[in-house]
N, C-alpha and C. Protein backbone atom coordinates (compact mmCIF):
# COMPACT_ATOMS: atom_id res chain seq x y z
N MET A 1 -4.89 -15.93 -8.84
CA MET A 1 -4.77 -15.53 -7.46
C MET A 1 -6.15 -15.60 -6.81
N SER A 2 -6.21 -16.05 -5.58
CA SER A 2 -7.50 -16.19 -4.90
C SER A 2 -8.03 -14.82 -4.49
N GLU A 3 -9.33 -14.79 -4.28
CA GLU A 3 -9.99 -13.57 -3.82
C GLU A 3 -9.51 -13.25 -2.41
N PRO A 4 -9.05 -12.02 -2.15
CA PRO A 4 -8.58 -11.68 -0.80
C PRO A 4 -9.74 -11.74 0.19
N ASN A 5 -9.45 -12.18 1.40
CA ASN A 5 -10.50 -12.17 2.41
C ASN A 5 -10.53 -10.83 3.11
N GLU A 6 -11.57 -10.57 3.86
CA GLU A 6 -11.78 -9.26 4.47
C GLU A 6 -10.63 -8.85 5.39
N SER A 7 -10.00 -9.79 6.08
CA SER A 7 -8.94 -9.44 7.01
C SER A 7 -7.73 -8.85 6.28
N GLU A 8 -7.57 -9.13 5.00
CA GLU A 8 -6.44 -8.58 4.26
C GLU A 8 -6.63 -7.10 3.93
N PHE A 9 -7.82 -6.58 4.15
CA PHE A 9 -8.07 -5.17 3.89
C PHE A 9 -8.02 -4.32 5.15
N THR A 10 -7.74 -4.93 6.28
CA THR A 10 -7.75 -4.18 7.53
C THR A 10 -6.33 -3.76 7.91
N ALA A 11 -6.25 -2.65 8.61
CA ALA A 11 -4.96 -2.15 9.10
C ALA A 11 -5.24 -1.29 10.33
N PRO A 12 -4.29 -1.20 11.23
CA PRO A 12 -4.49 -0.30 12.38
C PRO A 12 -4.73 1.13 11.89
N GLU A 13 -5.55 1.85 12.61
CA GLU A 13 -5.85 3.22 12.19
C GLU A 13 -4.63 4.13 12.29
N ALA A 14 -3.66 3.79 13.10
CA ALA A 14 -2.48 4.64 13.31
C ALA A 14 -1.31 4.20 12.44
N VAL A 15 -1.58 3.87 11.20
CA VAL A 15 -0.51 3.49 10.27
C VAL A 15 -0.02 4.74 9.57
N ASN A 16 1.28 4.89 9.50
CA ASN A 16 1.89 6.01 8.79
C ASN A 16 2.69 5.46 7.62
N VAL A 17 2.67 6.18 6.53
CA VAL A 17 3.39 5.76 5.33
C VAL A 17 4.10 6.98 4.75
N SER A 18 5.34 6.77 4.32
CA SER A 18 6.05 7.82 3.60
C SER A 18 6.75 7.21 2.40
N VAL A 19 6.91 8.01 1.38
CA VAL A 19 7.59 7.59 0.16
C VAL A 19 8.66 8.63 -0.14
N ALA A 20 9.87 8.17 -0.45
CA ALA A 20 10.96 9.08 -0.75
C ALA A 20 11.74 8.58 -1.95
N GLN A 21 12.29 9.52 -2.69
CA GLN A 21 13.17 9.15 -3.80
C GLN A 21 14.51 8.71 -3.24
N ILE A 22 15.15 7.81 -3.95
CA ILE A 22 16.52 7.41 -3.62
C ILE A 22 17.39 8.04 -4.71
N HIS A 23 18.10 9.09 -4.36
CA HIS A 23 18.82 9.86 -5.37
C HIS A 23 19.88 9.05 -6.11
N SER A 24 20.49 8.10 -5.44
CA SER A 24 21.51 7.29 -6.12
C SER A 24 20.89 6.21 -7.02
N LEU A 25 19.60 5.97 -6.85
CA LEU A 25 18.87 4.99 -7.67
C LEU A 25 17.60 5.66 -8.20
N PRO A 26 17.69 6.38 -9.31
CA PRO A 26 16.56 7.19 -9.76
C PRO A 26 15.31 6.40 -10.17
N ASP A 27 15.45 5.10 -10.42
CA ASP A 27 14.27 4.30 -10.78
C ASP A 27 13.70 3.54 -9.59
N LYS A 28 14.09 3.93 -8.36
CA LYS A 28 13.62 3.25 -7.14
C LYS A 28 13.02 4.26 -6.17
N LEU A 29 12.12 3.77 -5.33
CA LEU A 29 11.52 4.57 -4.26
C LEU A 29 11.72 3.83 -2.95
N LEU A 30 11.80 4.59 -1.86
CA LEU A 30 11.86 4.00 -0.53
C LEU A 30 10.49 4.20 0.12
N LEU A 31 9.80 3.11 0.41
CA LEU A 31 8.50 3.13 1.06
C LEU A 31 8.71 2.74 2.51
N THR A 32 8.30 3.60 3.43
CA THR A 32 8.41 3.32 4.86
C THR A 32 7.00 3.24 5.44
N VAL A 33 6.70 2.14 6.11
CA VAL A 33 5.40 1.91 6.74
C VAL A 33 5.66 1.63 8.21
N TRP A 34 4.93 2.31 9.10
CA TRP A 34 5.15 2.03 10.51
C TRP A 34 3.90 2.26 11.34
N THR A 35 3.81 1.49 12.39
CA THR A 35 2.85 1.68 13.47
C THR A 35 3.68 1.87 14.73
N ASP A 36 4.14 0.77 15.30
CA ASP A 36 5.04 0.85 16.46
C ASP A 36 6.50 0.79 16.05
N ASP A 37 6.80 0.09 14.96
CA ASP A 37 8.16 0.02 14.45
C ASP A 37 8.13 0.23 12.94
N GLN A 38 9.26 0.59 12.37
CA GLN A 38 9.34 0.88 10.94
C GLN A 38 9.64 -0.36 10.12
N GLN A 39 9.03 -0.42 8.97
CA GLN A 39 9.35 -1.42 7.96
C GLN A 39 9.67 -0.64 6.69
N ARG A 40 10.83 -0.88 6.11
CA ARG A 40 11.23 -0.16 4.90
C ARG A 40 11.33 -1.11 3.73
N PHE A 41 10.89 -0.62 2.57
CA PHE A 41 10.90 -1.40 1.35
C PHE A 41 11.43 -0.54 0.21
N VAL A 42 12.32 -1.10 -0.59
CA VAL A 42 12.79 -0.42 -1.79
C VAL A 42 11.97 -0.98 -2.95
N LEU A 43 11.30 -0.09 -3.67
CA LEU A 43 10.41 -0.48 -4.75
C LEU A 43 10.88 0.09 -6.07
N SER A 44 10.72 -0.69 -7.12
CA SER A 44 10.93 -0.14 -8.45
C SER A 44 9.72 0.75 -8.77
N LEU A 45 9.87 1.65 -9.70
CA LEU A 45 8.75 2.50 -10.08
C LEU A 45 7.59 1.67 -10.61
N ARG A 46 7.90 0.58 -11.31
CA ARG A 46 6.85 -0.30 -11.83
C ARG A 46 6.05 -0.93 -10.69
N MET A 47 6.73 -1.41 -9.66
CA MET A 47 6.04 -2.00 -8.51
C MET A 47 5.25 -0.94 -7.75
N ALA A 48 5.80 0.25 -7.61
CA ALA A 48 5.09 1.32 -6.93
C ALA A 48 3.78 1.65 -7.65
N LYS A 49 3.83 1.67 -8.97
CA LYS A 49 2.62 1.95 -9.76
C LYS A 49 1.60 0.83 -9.55
N PHE A 50 2.05 -0.42 -9.56
CA PHE A 50 1.16 -1.56 -9.33
C PHE A 50 0.51 -1.46 -7.95
N LEU A 51 1.31 -1.19 -6.92
CA LEU A 51 0.78 -1.11 -5.56
C LEU A 51 -0.20 0.05 -5.41
N SER A 52 0.08 1.17 -6.03
CA SER A 52 -0.84 2.30 -5.92
C SER A 52 -2.19 1.97 -6.55
N GLY A 53 -2.17 1.24 -7.66
CA GLY A 53 -3.42 0.81 -8.28
C GLY A 53 -4.18 -0.17 -7.41
N ALA A 54 -3.46 -1.12 -6.81
CA ALA A 54 -4.09 -2.11 -5.94
C ALA A 54 -4.70 -1.44 -4.71
N LEU A 55 -3.98 -0.47 -4.14
CA LEU A 55 -4.51 0.24 -2.98
C LEU A 55 -5.74 1.06 -3.34
N ALA A 56 -5.72 1.70 -4.50
CA ALA A 56 -6.88 2.48 -4.94
C ALA A 56 -8.10 1.58 -5.11
N GLN A 57 -7.90 0.39 -5.66
CA GLN A 57 -9.01 -0.55 -5.81
C GLN A 57 -9.54 -1.01 -4.46
N ALA A 58 -8.65 -1.26 -3.51
CA ALA A 58 -9.08 -1.69 -2.18
C ALA A 58 -9.87 -0.59 -1.48
N VAL A 59 -9.39 0.64 -1.59
CA VAL A 59 -10.10 1.76 -0.97
C VAL A 59 -11.48 1.92 -1.60
N GLU A 60 -11.55 1.80 -2.91
CA GLU A 60 -12.85 1.89 -3.59
C GLU A 60 -13.78 0.78 -3.11
N LYS A 61 -13.27 -0.43 -3.00
CA LYS A 61 -14.09 -1.56 -2.56
C LYS A 61 -14.56 -1.34 -1.12
N LEU A 62 -13.69 -0.88 -0.25
CA LEU A 62 -14.06 -0.66 1.14
C LEU A 62 -15.02 0.52 1.31
N SER A 63 -15.07 1.42 0.33
CA SER A 63 -15.93 2.59 0.42
C SER A 63 -17.37 2.29 0.02
N LEU A 64 -17.60 1.13 -0.60
CA LEU A 64 -18.95 0.76 -1.03
C LEU A 64 -19.80 0.33 0.16
N PRO A 65 -21.11 0.57 0.09
CA PRO A 65 -21.97 0.03 1.15
C PRO A 65 -21.81 -1.48 1.21
N ARG A 66 -21.99 -2.06 2.37
CA ARG A 66 -21.70 -3.46 2.62
C ARG A 66 -22.41 -4.41 1.65
N ASP A 67 -23.63 -4.12 1.24
CA ASP A 67 -24.36 -5.03 0.37
C ASP A 67 -23.93 -4.97 -1.09
N GLU A 68 -23.04 -4.05 -1.46
CA GLU A 68 -22.57 -3.94 -2.84
C GLU A 68 -21.25 -4.65 -3.08
N HIS A 69 -20.62 -5.26 -2.08
CA HIS A 69 -19.32 -5.92 -2.24
C HIS A 69 -19.46 -7.14 -3.03
């Protein structure tokens, strides 16, 4: 996979995210992301774990001073 460019790490400051269990599907989560309109995604627990790790890495990278990237 290619190195992500800087624009892939940007998002509007007014982004809201919620995660909810789907009781009829215990191995799935409902991820809702919205700014002006809602986008909903059903994720397996495995995918949710992968995404949480990827987001943590992105936040860590963005938190470094500019010359350390």
